[in-house]
Amino acid sequence: MITRKAIIVGFMGLLFQSFFCLAQTPDIFRAEYMMMPLNSSGSKLSRIKLVANYPIALKDSSNIIIGGEYNRLSYGLSRDGLPMEVEGFRHLHVADFNLAYVYRHNKYWRFIGVVTPRLSSTLGDQIEKRDISFNATVGAFKEKKHVEKPFRLVLGIAYNATVALRIPLPIVYYEKRFHKNWSYVVGAPKTAMKYHFNEKNMVQTEFILDGYYVNLQNSIGILGSGTATSISSSAALATIGYQYSIKKSMFVYAYAGYTLFQTGVLRDEDRNDIFTLNDDPSFYFRTGFRIGL
């Protein structure tokens, strides 16, 4: 039986995975490190993210974007009472191949379609069928840059084969610079307020939904609970950070914050939660370098 909690986790994960392909202009390159240090559950998590995209301009001012993203997640578990198999559980791998078509309808509106085959696995053995999933996103994008109050609006739907609720789900994102120094973002999985000191320096507060889902190639038997075939995690974070523009479209950034809630669970073949790895709040840090389009 799929629980209400599993549906919420799946919805959050779907929004997070679809957001950067649709709601923001893709980065040409991004390298990022994230860390959640040891908390009272005896759990810690770190992530290395690498992103690369290559845009191809077409004659009608539309674009094809070919790219990929790799995430290596490292779990640390130190509390007493863990099953032996779980104690040895460490690294997770999530790799996406993105193929996007951006059709320019007129000066302001673009229509977007993204297909994303995904490898999500512990990669302890040869790649198997459960390691591969398919995600798809379609939407419309409106942007006005060179006006007194520039804004960006994204409306779309996304489908992800790995989440519990396997139906297309909506995406809404709106960003507006309403003052010379201030702008805001409203949407999911990110809501934010930005203060722009100038064109090079910016401080931002964020509320973010984050998460992942990974297949366990070697299933884990949990005494009295069942057999775990996958792991998922979700978190809601409040952060504040700083971004510096080295030059046009090239940035370094650093953010720190705290999880308002988070949960890391092992799930059985029917995607029911059968063992909780982590359900306590944690500090959160991330830093990186990116080059935007």
C-alpha atoms as a PDB file:
ATOM      1  CA  MET A   1       0.000   0.000   0.000  1.00  0.00           C
ATOM      2  CA  ILE A   2       1.370   3.415  -0.984  1.00  0.00           C
ATOM      3  CA  THR A   3       1.200   5.723   2.020  1.00  0.00           C
ATOM      4  CA  ARG A   4       0.316   9.422   2.041  1.00  0.00           C
ATOM      5  CA  LYS A   5       3.878  10.102   3.165  1.00  0.00           C
ATOM      6  CA  ALA A   6       5.268   8.252   0.135  1.00  0.00           C
ATOM      7  CA  ILE A   7       3.098  10.343  -2.200  1.00  0.00           C
ATOM      8  CA  ILE A   8       4.330  13.586  -0.633  1.00  0.00           C
ATOM      9  CA  VAL A   9       7.960  12.425  -0.846  1.00  0.00           C
ATOM     10  CA  GLY A  10       7.488  11.428  -4.478  1.00  0.00           C
ATOM     11  CA  PHE A  11       5.850  14.734  -5.375  1.00  0.00           C
ATOM     12  CA  MET A  12       8.701  16.682  -3.773  1.00  0.00           C
ATOM     13  CA  GLY A  13      11.292  14.586  -5.566  1.00  0.00           C
ATOM     14  CA  LEU A  14       9.577  15.033  -8.909  1.00  0.00           C
ATOM     15  CA  LEU A  15       9.429  18.810  -8.544  1.00  0.00           C
ATOM     16  CA  PHE A  16      13.059  18.974  -7.523  1.00  0.00           C
ATOM     17  CA  GLN A  17      14.239  16.832 -10.432  1.00  0.00           C
ATOM     18  CA  SER A  18      12.198  18.754 -13.011  1.00  0.00           C
ATOM     19  CA  PHE A  19      12.783  22.260 -11.704  1.00  0.00           C
ATOM     20  CA  PHE A  20      16.273  23.002 -13.008  1.00  0.00           C
ATOM     21  CA  CYS A  21      15.472  21.747 -16.497  1.00  0.00           C
ATOM     22  CA  LEU A  22      12.398  23.937 -16.841  1.00  0.00           C
ATOM     23  CA  ALA A  23      12.173  26.798 -14.362  1.00  0.00           C
ATOM     24  CA  GLN A  24      15.684  28.141 -14.753  1.00  0.00           C
ATOM     25  CA  THR A  25      17.944  28.751 -17.712  1.00  0.00           C
ATOM     26  CA  PRO A  26      20.236  25.687 -17.745  1.00  0.00           C
ATOM     27  CA  ASP A  27      23.854  26.096 -16.714  1.00  0.00           C
ATOM     28  CA  ILE A  28      26.584  25.331 -19.217  1.00  0.00           C
ATOM     29  CA  PHE A  29      28.610  24.007 -16.300  1.00  0.00           C
ATOM     30  CA  ARG A  30      28.116  23.583 -12.571  1.00  0.00           C
ATOM     31  CA  ALA A  31      30.276  21.971  -9.871  1.00  0.00           C
ATOM     32  CA  GLU A  32      28.789  21.865  -6.382  1.00  0.00           C
ATOM     33  CA  TYR A  33      29.458  20.284  -2.991  1.00  0.00           C
ATOM     34  CA  MET A  34      26.744  19.857  -0.353  1.00  0.00           C
ATOM     35  CA  MET A  35      27.015  18.568   3.215  1.00  0.00           C
ATOM     36  CA  MET A  36      24.590  17.784   6.025  1.00  0.00           C
ATOM     37  CA  PRO A  37      26.798  17.044   9.063  1.00  0.00           C
ATOM     38  CA  LEU A  38      26.127  14.388  11.710  1.00  0.00           C
ATOM     39  CA  ASN A  39      22.815  14.949  13.519  1.00  0.00           C
ATOM     40  CA  SER A  40      21.056  13.383  16.505  1.00  0.00           C
ATOM     41  CA  SER A  41      19.889  10.423  14.373  1.00  0.00           C
ATOM     42  CA  GLY A  42      23.525   9.462  13.861  1.00  0.00           C
ATOM     43  CA  SER A  43      23.286  10.271  10.156  1.00  0.00           C
ATOM     44  CA  LYS A  44      25.241  12.515   7.813  1.00  0.00           C
ATOM     45  CA  LEU A  45      25.034  13.092   4.079  1.00  0.00           C
ATOM     46  CA  SER A  46      27.249  14.713   1.460  1.00  0.00           C
ATOM     47  CA  ARG A  47      26.770  15.216  -2.279  1.00  0.00           C
ATOM     48  CA  ILE A  48      29.001  16.075  -5.220  1.00  0.00           C
ATOM     49  CA  LYS A  49      27.100  17.470  -8.211  1.00  0.00           C
ATOM     50  CA  LEU A  50      28.435  17.984 -11.744  1.00  0.00           C
ATOM     51  CA  VAL A  51      26.311  19.495 -14.529  1.00  0.00           C
ATOM     52  CA  ALA A  52      27.138  20.149 -18.175  1.00  0.00           C
ATOM     53  CA  ASN A  53      24.860  21.363 -20.998  1.00  0.00           C
ATOM     54  CA  TYR A  54      25.538  22.200 -24.623  1.00  0.00           C
ATOM     55  CA  PRO A  55      23.031  24.423 -26.470  1.00  0.00           C
ATOM     56  CA  ILE A  56      22.599  24.094 -30.248  1.00  0.00           C
ATOM     57  CA  ALA A  57      20.983  27.072 -31.981  1.00  0.00           C
ATOM     58  CA  LEU A  58      18.519  26.346 -34.802  1.00  0.00           C
ATOM     59  CA  LYS A  59      17.625  28.568 -37.766  1.00  0.00           C
ATOM     60  CA  ASP A  60      14.260  29.619 -36.319  1.00  0.00           C
ATOM     61  CA  SER A  61      15.848  30.939 -33.071  1.00  0.00           C
ATOM     62  CA  SER A  62      14.834  27.784 -31.254  1.00  0.00           C
ATOM     63  CA  ASN A  63      17.360  25.583 -29.432  1.00  0.00           C
ATOM     64  CA  ILE A  64      18.238  22.006 -28.701  1.00  0.00           C
ATOM     65  CA  ILE A  65      20.054  21.479 -25.409  1.00  0.00           C
ATOM     66  CA  ILE A  66      22.022  18.296 -24.818  1.00  0.00           C
ATOM     67  CA  GLY A  67      23.397  17.730 -21.358  1.00  0.00           C
ATOM     68  CA  GLY A  68      23.831  15.631 -18.293  1.00  0.00           C
ATOM     69  CA  GLU A  69      24.002  15.746 -14.529  1.00  0.00           C
ATOM     70  CA  TYR A  70      25.803  13.460 -12.099  1.00  0.00           C
ATOM     71  CA  ASN A  71      25.238  13.288  -8.342  1.00  0.00           C
ATOM     72  CA  ARG A  72      27.330  11.165  -5.988  1.00  0.00           C
ATOM     73  CA  LEU A  73      25.751  10.930  -2.560  1.00  0.00           C
ATOM     74  CA  SER A  74      27.632   9.566   0.441  1.00  0.00           C
ATOM     75  CA  TYR A  75      25.698   8.401   3.498  1.00  0.00           C
ATOM     76  CA  GLY A  76      27.288   8.101   6.931  1.00  0.00           C
ATOM     77  CA  LEU A  77      25.442   6.114   9.611  1.00  0.00           C
ATOM     78  CA  SER A  78      26.863   5.803  13.098  1.00  0.00           C
ATOM     79  CA  ARG A  79      24.038   5.088  15.522  1.00  0.00           C
ATOM     80  CA  ASP A  80      23.665   1.818  17.446  1.00  0.00           C
ATOM     81  CA  GLY A  81      21.113  -0.811  16.515  1.00  0.00           C
ATOM     82  CA  LEU A  82      21.480  -0.676  12.728  1.00  0.00           C
ATOM     83  CA  PRO A  83      21.244  -3.964  10.810  1.00  0.00           C
ATOM     84  CA  MET A  84      24.675  -5.092   9.624  1.00  0.00           C
ATOM     85  CA  GLU A  85      23.708  -4.724   5.959  1.00  0.00           C
ATOM     86  CA  VAL A  86      22.659  -1.092   6.488  1.00  0.00           C
ATOM     87  CA  GLU A  87      25.897  -0.268   8.307  1.00  0.00           C
ATOM     88  CA  GLY A  88      27.830  -1.122   5.147  1.00  0.00           C
ATOM     89  CA  PHE A  89      25.656   1.075   2.965  1.00  0.00           C
ATOM     90  CA  ARG A  90      27.565   4.147   1.760  1.00  0.00           C
ATOM     91  CA  HIS A  91      27.493   5.548  -1.804  1.00  0.00           C
ATOM     92  CA  LEU A  92      24.602   6.368  -4.151  1.00  0.00           C
ATOM     93  CA  HIS A  93      24.823   7.425  -7.799  1.00  0.00           C
ATOM     94  CA  VAL A  94      22.273   9.418  -9.810  1.00  0.00           C
ATOM     95  CA  ALA A  95      23.114  10.270 -13.441  1.00  0.00           C
ATOM     96  CA  ASP A  96      20.770  12.040 -15.868  1.00  0.00           C
ATOM     97  CA  PHE A  97      20.996  12.507 -19.610  1.00  0.00           C
ATOM     98  CA  ASN A  98      18.904  15.518 -20.671  1.00  0.00           C
ATOM     99  CA  LEU A  99      17.626  16.255 -24.148  1.00  0.00           C
ATOM    100  CA  ALA A 100      15.591  19.461 -24.376  1.00  0.00           C
ATOM    101  CA  TYR A 101      13.902  21.285 -27.230  1.00  0.00           C
ATOM    102  CA  VAL A 102      13.133  24.979 -26.735  1.00  0.00           C
ATOM    103  CA  TYR A 103      10.740  26.428 -29.322  1.00  0.00           C
ATOM    104  CA  ARG A 104      10.629  30.231 -29.577  1.00  0.00           C
ATOM    105  CA  HIS A 105       6.992  31.134 -30.195  1.00  0.00           C
ATOM    106  CA  ASN A 106       7.496  34.915 -30.133  1.00  0.00           C
ATOM    107  CA  LYS A 107       9.604  37.599 -28.448  1.00  0.00           C
ATOM    108  CA  TYR A 108       8.560  36.580 -24.936  1.00  0.00           C
ATOM    109  CA  TRP A 109       7.139  33.037 -25.008  1.00  0.00           C
ATOM    110  CA  ARG A 110       9.001  29.754 -25.430  1.00  0.00           C
ATOM    111  CA  PHE A 111       7.710  26.210 -25.257  1.00  0.00           C
ATOM    112  CA  ILE A 112       9.931  23.546 -23.712  1.00  0.00           C
ATOM    113  CA  GLY A 113      10.078  19.765 -23.836  1.00  0.00           C
ATOM    114  CA  VAL A 114      12.629  17.726 -21.860  1.00  0.00           C
ATOM    115  CA  VAL A 115      13.218  13.968 -21.811  1.00  0.00           C
ATOM    116  CA  THR A 116      15.526  12.577 -19.135  1.00  0.00           C
ATOM    117  CA  PRO A 117      16.645   8.953 -18.977  1.00  0.00           C
ATOM    118  CA  ARG A 118      18.050   8.411 -15.468  1.00  0.00           C
ATOM    119  CA  LEU A 119      20.466   5.972 -13.872  1.00  0.00           C
ATOM    120  CA  SER A 120      19.856   5.842 -10.120  1.00  0.00           C
ATOM    121  CA  SER A 121      21.663   3.059  -8.284  1.00  0.00           C
ATOM    122  CA  THR A 122      24.189   1.893  -5.722  1.00  0.00           C
ATOM    123  CA  LEU A 123      26.172   0.444  -8.694  1.00  0.00           C
ATOM    124  CA  GLY A 124      27.525  -2.478  -6.707  1.00  0.00           C
ATOM    125  CA  ASP A 125      26.968  -4.857  -9.636  1.00  0.00           C
ATOM    126  CA  GLN A 126      26.127  -4.687 -13.343  1.00  0.00           C
ATOM    127  CA  ILE A 127      23.423  -2.191 -14.309  1.00  0.00           C
ATOM    128  CA  GLU A 128      19.952  -3.736 -14.087  1.00  0.00           C
ATOM    129  CA  LYS A 129      16.471  -2.749 -15.253  1.00  0.00           C
ATOM    130  CA  ARG A 130      15.476  -1.193 -11.906  1.00  0.00           C
ATOM    131  CA  ASP A 131      18.453   1.186 -12.101  1.00  0.00           C
ATOM    132  CA  ILE A 132      16.943   2.954 -15.140  1.00  0.00           C
ATOM    133  CA  SER A 133      13.938   5.279 -15.144  1.00  0.00           C
ATOM    134  CA  PHE A 134      12.437   7.806 -17.516  1.00  0.00           C
ATOM    135  CA  ASN A 135      11.383  11.379 -16.748  1.00  0.00           C
ATOM    136  CA  ALA A 136       9.663  13.880 -19.022  1.00  0.00           C
ATOM    137  CA  THR A 137       8.733  17.555 -18.650  1.00  0.00           C
ATOM    138  CA  VAL A 138       6.775  19.928 -20.898  1.00  0.00           C
ATOM    139  CA  GLY A 139       5.957  23.559 -20.292  1.00  0.00           C
ATOM    140  CA  ALA A 140       5.782  27.186 -21.353  1.00  0.00           C
ATOM    141  CA  PHE A 141       8.294  29.889 -20.444  1.00  0.00           C
ATOM    142  CA  LYS A 142       7.750  33.648 -20.513  1.00  0.00           C
ATOM    143  CA  GLU A 143      10.498  36.150 -19.771  1.00  0.00           C
ATOM    144  CA  LYS A 144      10.914  39.910 -19.990  1.00  0.00           C
ATOM    145  CA  LYS A 145      14.479  41.016 -19.261  1.00  0.00           C
ATOM    146  CA  HIS A 146      14.963  44.565 -20.485  1.00  0.00           C
ATOM    147  CA  VAL A 147      12.100  46.265 -18.655  1.00  0.00           C
ATOM    148  CA  GLU A 148      11.856  48.249 -15.437  1.00  0.00           C
ATOM    149  CA  LYS A 149      10.665  45.195 -13.476  1.00  0.00           C
ATOM    150  CA  PRO A 150      11.958  42.075 -15.273  1.00  0.00           C
ATOM    151  CA  PHE A 151      10.230  38.768 -14.584  1.00  0.00           C
ATOM    152  CA  ARG A 152      10.184  35.084 -15.528  1.00  0.00           C
ATOM    153  CA  LEU A 153       7.157  32.764 -15.484  1.00  0.00           C
ATOM    154  CA  VAL A 154       7.167  28.986 -16.000  1.00  0.00           C
ATOM    155  CA  LEU A 155       4.113  26.734 -16.226  1.00  0.00           C
ATOM    156  CA  GLY A 156       4.485  23.032 -16.892  1.00  0.00           C
ATOM    157  CA  ILE A 157       3.793  19.432 -16.062  1.00  0.00           C
ATOM    158  CA  ALA A 158       6.285  16.677 -15.265  1.00  0.00           C
ATOM    159  CA  TYR A 159       6.232  12.895 -15.146  1.00  0.00           C
ATOM    160  CA  ASN A 160       8.666  10.696 -13.250  1.00  0.00           C
ATOM    161  CA  ALA A 161       8.539   6.894 -13.396  1.00  0.00           C
ATOM    162  CA  THR A 162      10.198   6.434  -9.991  1.00  0.00           C
ATOM    163  CA  VAL A 163       7.764   8.334  -7.772  1.00  0.00           C
ATOM    164  CA  ALA A 164       4.824   6.788  -5.963  1.00  0.00           C
ATOM    165  CA  LEU A 165       2.193   8.941  -7.661  1.00  0.00           C
ATOM    166  CA  ARG A 166       2.724   8.052 -11.332  1.00  0.00           C
ATOM    167  CA  ILE A 167       0.704  10.801 -12.985  1.00  0.00           C
ATOM    168  CA  PRO A 168       1.807  14.118 -14.549  1.00  0.00           C
ATOM    169  CA  LEU A 169       2.192  16.754 -11.840  1.00  0.00           C
ATOM    170  CA  PRO A 170       2.213  20.549 -12.181  1.00  0.00           C
ATOM    171  CA  ILE A 171       5.156  22.949 -12.038  1.00  0.00           C
ATOM    172  CA  VAL A 172       4.721  26.650 -11.319  1.00  0.00           C
ATOM    173  CA  TYR A 173       7.579  29.143 -11.007  1.00  0.00           C
ATOM    174  CA  TYR A 174       7.530  32.937 -10.927  1.00  0.00           C
ATOM    175  CA  GLU A 175      10.485  35.289 -10.425  1.00  0.00           C
ATOM    176  CA  LYS A 176      10.316  39.093 -10.454  1.00  0.00           C
ATOM    177  CA  ARG A 177      12.724  41.916  -9.758  1.00  0.00           C
ATOM    178  CA  PHE A 178      10.310  44.422  -8.248  1.00  0.00           C
ATOM    179  CA  HIS A 179      12.951  46.931  -7.108  1.00  0.00           C
ATOM    180  CA  LYS A 180      16.448  47.911  -8.172  1.00  0.00           C
ATOM    181  CA  ASN A 181      17.881  45.893  -5.275  1.00  0.00           C
ATOM    182  CA  TRP A 182      15.148  43.327  -4.584  1.00  0.00           C
ATOM    183  CA  SER A 183      13.638  40.314  -6.326  1.00  0.00           C
ATOM    184  CA  TYR A 184      11.612  37.307  -5.241  1.00  0.00           C
ATOM    185  CA  VAL A 185      10.891  33.754  -6.387  1.00  0.00           C
ATOM    186  CA  VAL A 186       7.609  31.952  -5.739  1.00  0.00           C
ATOM    187  CA  GLY A 187       7.205  28.304  -6.658  1.00  0.00           C
ATOM    188  CA  ALA A 188       8.167  24.737  -5.881  1.00  0.00           C
ATOM    189  CA  PRO A 189      10.616  23.385  -5.023  1.00  0.00           C
ATOM    190  CA  LYS A 190      12.107  26.847  -4.356  1.00  0.00           C
ATOM    191  CA  THR A 191      10.816  30.084  -2.870  1.00  0.00           C
ATOM    192  CA  ALA A 192      13.329  32.877  -2.303  1.00  0.00           C
ATOM    193  CA  MET A 193      14.003  36.542  -1.620  1.00  0.00           C
ATOM    194  CA  LYS A 194      17.087  38.170  -3.157  1.00  0.00           C
ATOM    195  CA  TYR A 195      18.926  41.371  -2.345  1.00  0.00           C
ATOM    196  CA  HIS A 196      21.185  42.659  -5.135  1.00  0.00           C
ATOM    197  CA  PHE A 197      23.919  44.949  -3.828  1.00  0.00           C
ATOM    198  CA  ASN A 198      24.971  45.501  -7.445  1.00  0.00           C
ATOM    199  CA  GLU A 199      25.406  43.396 -10.583  1.00  0.00           C
ATOM    200  CA  LYS A 200      28.185  41.354  -8.967  1.00  0.00           C
ATOM    201  CA  ASN A 201      27.044  40.753  -5.384  1.00  0.00           C
ATOM    202  CA  MET A 202      23.798  39.144  -4.247  1.00  0.00           C
ATOM    203  CA  VAL A 203      22.451  37.728  -0.958  1.00  0.00           C
ATOM    204  CA  GLN A 204      19.553  35.300  -1.029  1.00  0.00           C
ATOM    205  CA  THR A 205      17.298  33.550   1.469  1.00  0.00           C
ATOM    206  CA  GLU A 206      15.649  30.351   0.253  1.00  0.00           C
ATOM    207  CA  PHE A 207      13.072  27.758   1.168  1.00  0.00           C
ATOM    208  CA  ILE A 208      13.903  24.599  -0.809  1.00  0.00           C
ATOM    209  CA  LEU A 209      12.470  21.116  -1.221  1.00  0.00           C
ATOM    210  CA  ASP A 210      15.192  18.572  -1.955  1.00  0.00           C
ATOM    211  CA  GLY A 211      15.238  14.812  -2.402  1.00  0.00           C
ATOM    212  CA  TYR A 212      16.343  11.716  -4.275  1.00  0.00           C
ATOM    213  CA  TYR A 213      15.345   8.094  -5.001  1.00  0.00           C
ATOM    214  CA  VAL A 214      17.913   5.341  -5.602  1.00  0.00           C
ATOM    215  CA  ASN A 215      17.613   1.631  -6.415  1.00  0.00           C
ATOM    216  CA  LEU A 216      19.466  -0.795  -4.147  1.00  0.00           C
ATOM    217  CA  GLN A 217      21.090  -3.426  -6.361  1.00  0.00           C
ATOM    218  CA  ASN A 218      21.675  -5.644  -3.336  1.00  0.00           C
ATOM    219  CA  SER A 219      18.418  -5.808  -1.406  1.00  0.00           C
ATOM    220  CA  ILE A 220      18.596  -5.433   2.370  1.00  0.00           C
ATOM    221  CA  GLY A 221      16.578  -7.732   4.634  1.00  0.00           C
ATOM    222  CA  ILE A 222      15.167  -5.895   7.657  1.00  0.00           C
ATOM    223  CA  LEU A 223      14.147  -8.306  10.441  1.00  0.00           C
ATOM    224  CA  GLY A 224      10.420  -8.028  11.118  1.00  0.00           C
ATOM    225  CA  SER A 225       9.889  -5.384   8.403  1.00  0.00           C
ATOM    226  CA  GLY A 226      10.635  -6.910   5.005  1.00  0.00           C
ATOM    227  CA  THR A 227      13.180  -6.464   2.230  1.00  0.00           C
ATOM    228  CA  ALA A 228      14.407  -3.019   1.187  1.00  0.00           C
ATOM    229  CA  THR A 229      14.909  -2.523  -2.557  1.00  0.00           C
ATOM    230  CA  SER A 230      15.343   1.260  -2.680  1.00  0.00           C
ATOM    231  CA  ILE A 231      16.224   4.292  -0.606  1.00  0.00           C
ATOM    232  CA  SER A 232      14.620   7.725  -0.739  1.00  0.00           C
ATOM    233  CA  SER A 233      15.210  10.981   1.038  1.00  0.00           C
ATOM    234  CA  SER A 234      13.344  14.258   1.223  1.00  0.00           C
ATOM    235  CA  ALA A 235      14.007  17.499   3.052  1.00  0.00           C
ATOM    236  CA  ALA A 236      12.648  21.008   3.441  1.00  0.00           C
ATOM    237  CA  LEU A 237      15.415  23.549   3.990  1.00  0.00           C
ATOM    238  CA  ALA A 238      15.685  27.187   4.985  1.00  0.00           C
ATOM    239  CA  THR A 239      18.974  28.722   3.840  1.00  0.00           C
ATOM    240  CA  ILE A 240      20.780  32.005   3.382  1.00  0.00           C
ATOM    241  CA  GLY A 241      23.686  32.519   1.029  1.00  0.00           C
ATOM    242  CA  TYR A 242      25.889  34.753  -1.062  1.00  0.00           C
ATOM    243  CA  GLN A 243      26.640  34.744  -4.791  1.00  0.00           C
ATOM    244  CA  TYR A 244      29.447  36.627  -6.517  1.00  0.00           C
ATOM    245  CA  SER A 245      29.641  37.222 -10.254  1.00  0.00           C
ATOM    246  CA  ILE A 246      33.221  36.729 -11.451  1.00  0.00           C
ATOM    247  CA  LYS A 247      32.142  38.025 -14.830  1.00  0.00           C
ATOM    248  CA  LYS A 248      29.010  37.863 -16.945  1.00  0.00           C
ATOM    249  CA  SER A 249      27.253  34.492 -16.453  1.00  0.00           C
ATOM    250  CA  MET A 250      30.070  33.102 -14.239  1.00  0.00           C
ATOM    251  CA  PHE A 251      29.397  32.769 -10.500  1.00  0.00           C
ATOM    252  CA  VAL A 252      30.666  31.347  -7.219  1.00  0.00           C
ATOM    253  CA  TYR A 253      28.270  30.857  -4.317  1.00  0.00           C
ATOM    254  CA  ALA A 254      27.941  29.516  -0.773  1.00  0.00           C
ATOM    255  CA  TYR A 255      24.814  28.765   1.289  1.00  0.00           C
ATOM    256  CA  ALA A 256      24.149  27.616   4.840  1.00  0.00           C
ATOM    257  CA  GLY A 257      20.930  26.683   6.573  1.00  0.00           C
ATOM    258  CA  TYR A 258      18.897  24.168   8.524  1.00  0.00           C
ATOM    259  CA  THR A 259      16.426  21.451   7.614  1.00  0.00           C
ATOM    260  CA  LEU A 260      12.895  22.209   8.780  1.00  0.00           C
ATOM    261  CA  PHE A 261      12.282  18.505   8.344  1.00  0.00           C
ATOM    262  CA  GLN A 262      14.005  15.619   6.624  1.00  0.00           C
ATOM    263  CA  THR A 263      13.530  11.896   6.269  1.00  0.00           C
ATOM    264  CA  GLY A 264      15.700   9.155   4.829  1.00  0.00           C
ATOM    265  CA  VAL A 265      14.036   5.746   4.514  1.00  0.00           C
ATOM    266  CA  LEU A 266      14.508   2.293   3.060  1.00  0.00           C
ATOM    267  CA  ARG A 267      11.531   1.165   0.972  1.00  0.00           C
ATOM    268  CA  ASP A 268      10.243  -2.209  -0.162  1.00  0.00           C
ATOM    269  CA  GLU A 269       9.254  -3.271  -3.678  1.00  0.00           C
ATOM    270  CA  ASP A 270       5.818  -1.629  -3.235  1.00  0.00           C
ATOM    271  CA  ARG A 271       7.572   1.586  -2.110  1.00  0.00           C
ATOM    272  CA  ASN A 272       6.339   1.378   1.459  1.00  0.00           C
ATOM    273  CA  ASP A 273       8.667   2.773   4.139  1.00  0.00           C
ATOM    274  CA  ILE A 274      10.098  -0.137   6.143  1.00  0.00           C
ATOM    275  CA  PHE A 275      13.140   1.340   7.917  1.00  0.00           C
ATOM    276  CA  THR A 276      13.987   4.925   8.887  1.00  0.00           C
ATOM    277  CA  LEU A 277      17.623   5.920   8.463  1.00  0.00           C
ATOM    278  CA  ASN A 278      17.238   9.559   9.419  1.00  0.00           C
ATOM    279  CA  ASP A 279      14.332  11.700  10.585  1.00  0.00           C
ATOM    280  CA  ASP A 280      15.964  14.472  12.628  1.00  0.00           C
ATOM    281  CA  PRO A 281      16.845  18.032  11.570  1.00  0.00           C
ATOM    282  CA  SER A 282      20.358  18.902  10.451  1.00  0.00           C
ATOM    283  CA  PHE A 283      22.541  21.819   9.453  1.00  0.00           C
ATOM    284  CA  TYR A 284      23.060  22.256   5.720  1.00  0.00           C
ATOM    285  CA  PHE A 285      25.933  23.697   3.680  1.00  0.00           C
ATOM    286  CA  ARG A 286      26.553  23.933  -0.056  1.00  0.00           C
ATOM    287  CA  THR A 287      29.039  25.768  -2.224  1.00  0.00           C
ATOM    288  CA  GLY A 288      29.868  25.754  -5.884  1.00  0.00           C
ATOM    289  CA  PHE A 289      30.819  27.340  -9.171  1.00  0.00           C
ATOM    290  CA  ARG A 290      28.593  27.722 -12.213  1.00  0.00           C
ATOM    291  CA  ILE A 291      28.537  29.154 -15.706  1.00  0.00           C
ATOM    292  CA  GLY A 292      25.094  30.118 -16.960  1.00  0.00           C
ATOM    293  CA  LEU A 293      23.819  30.312 -20.519  1.00  0.00           C
END
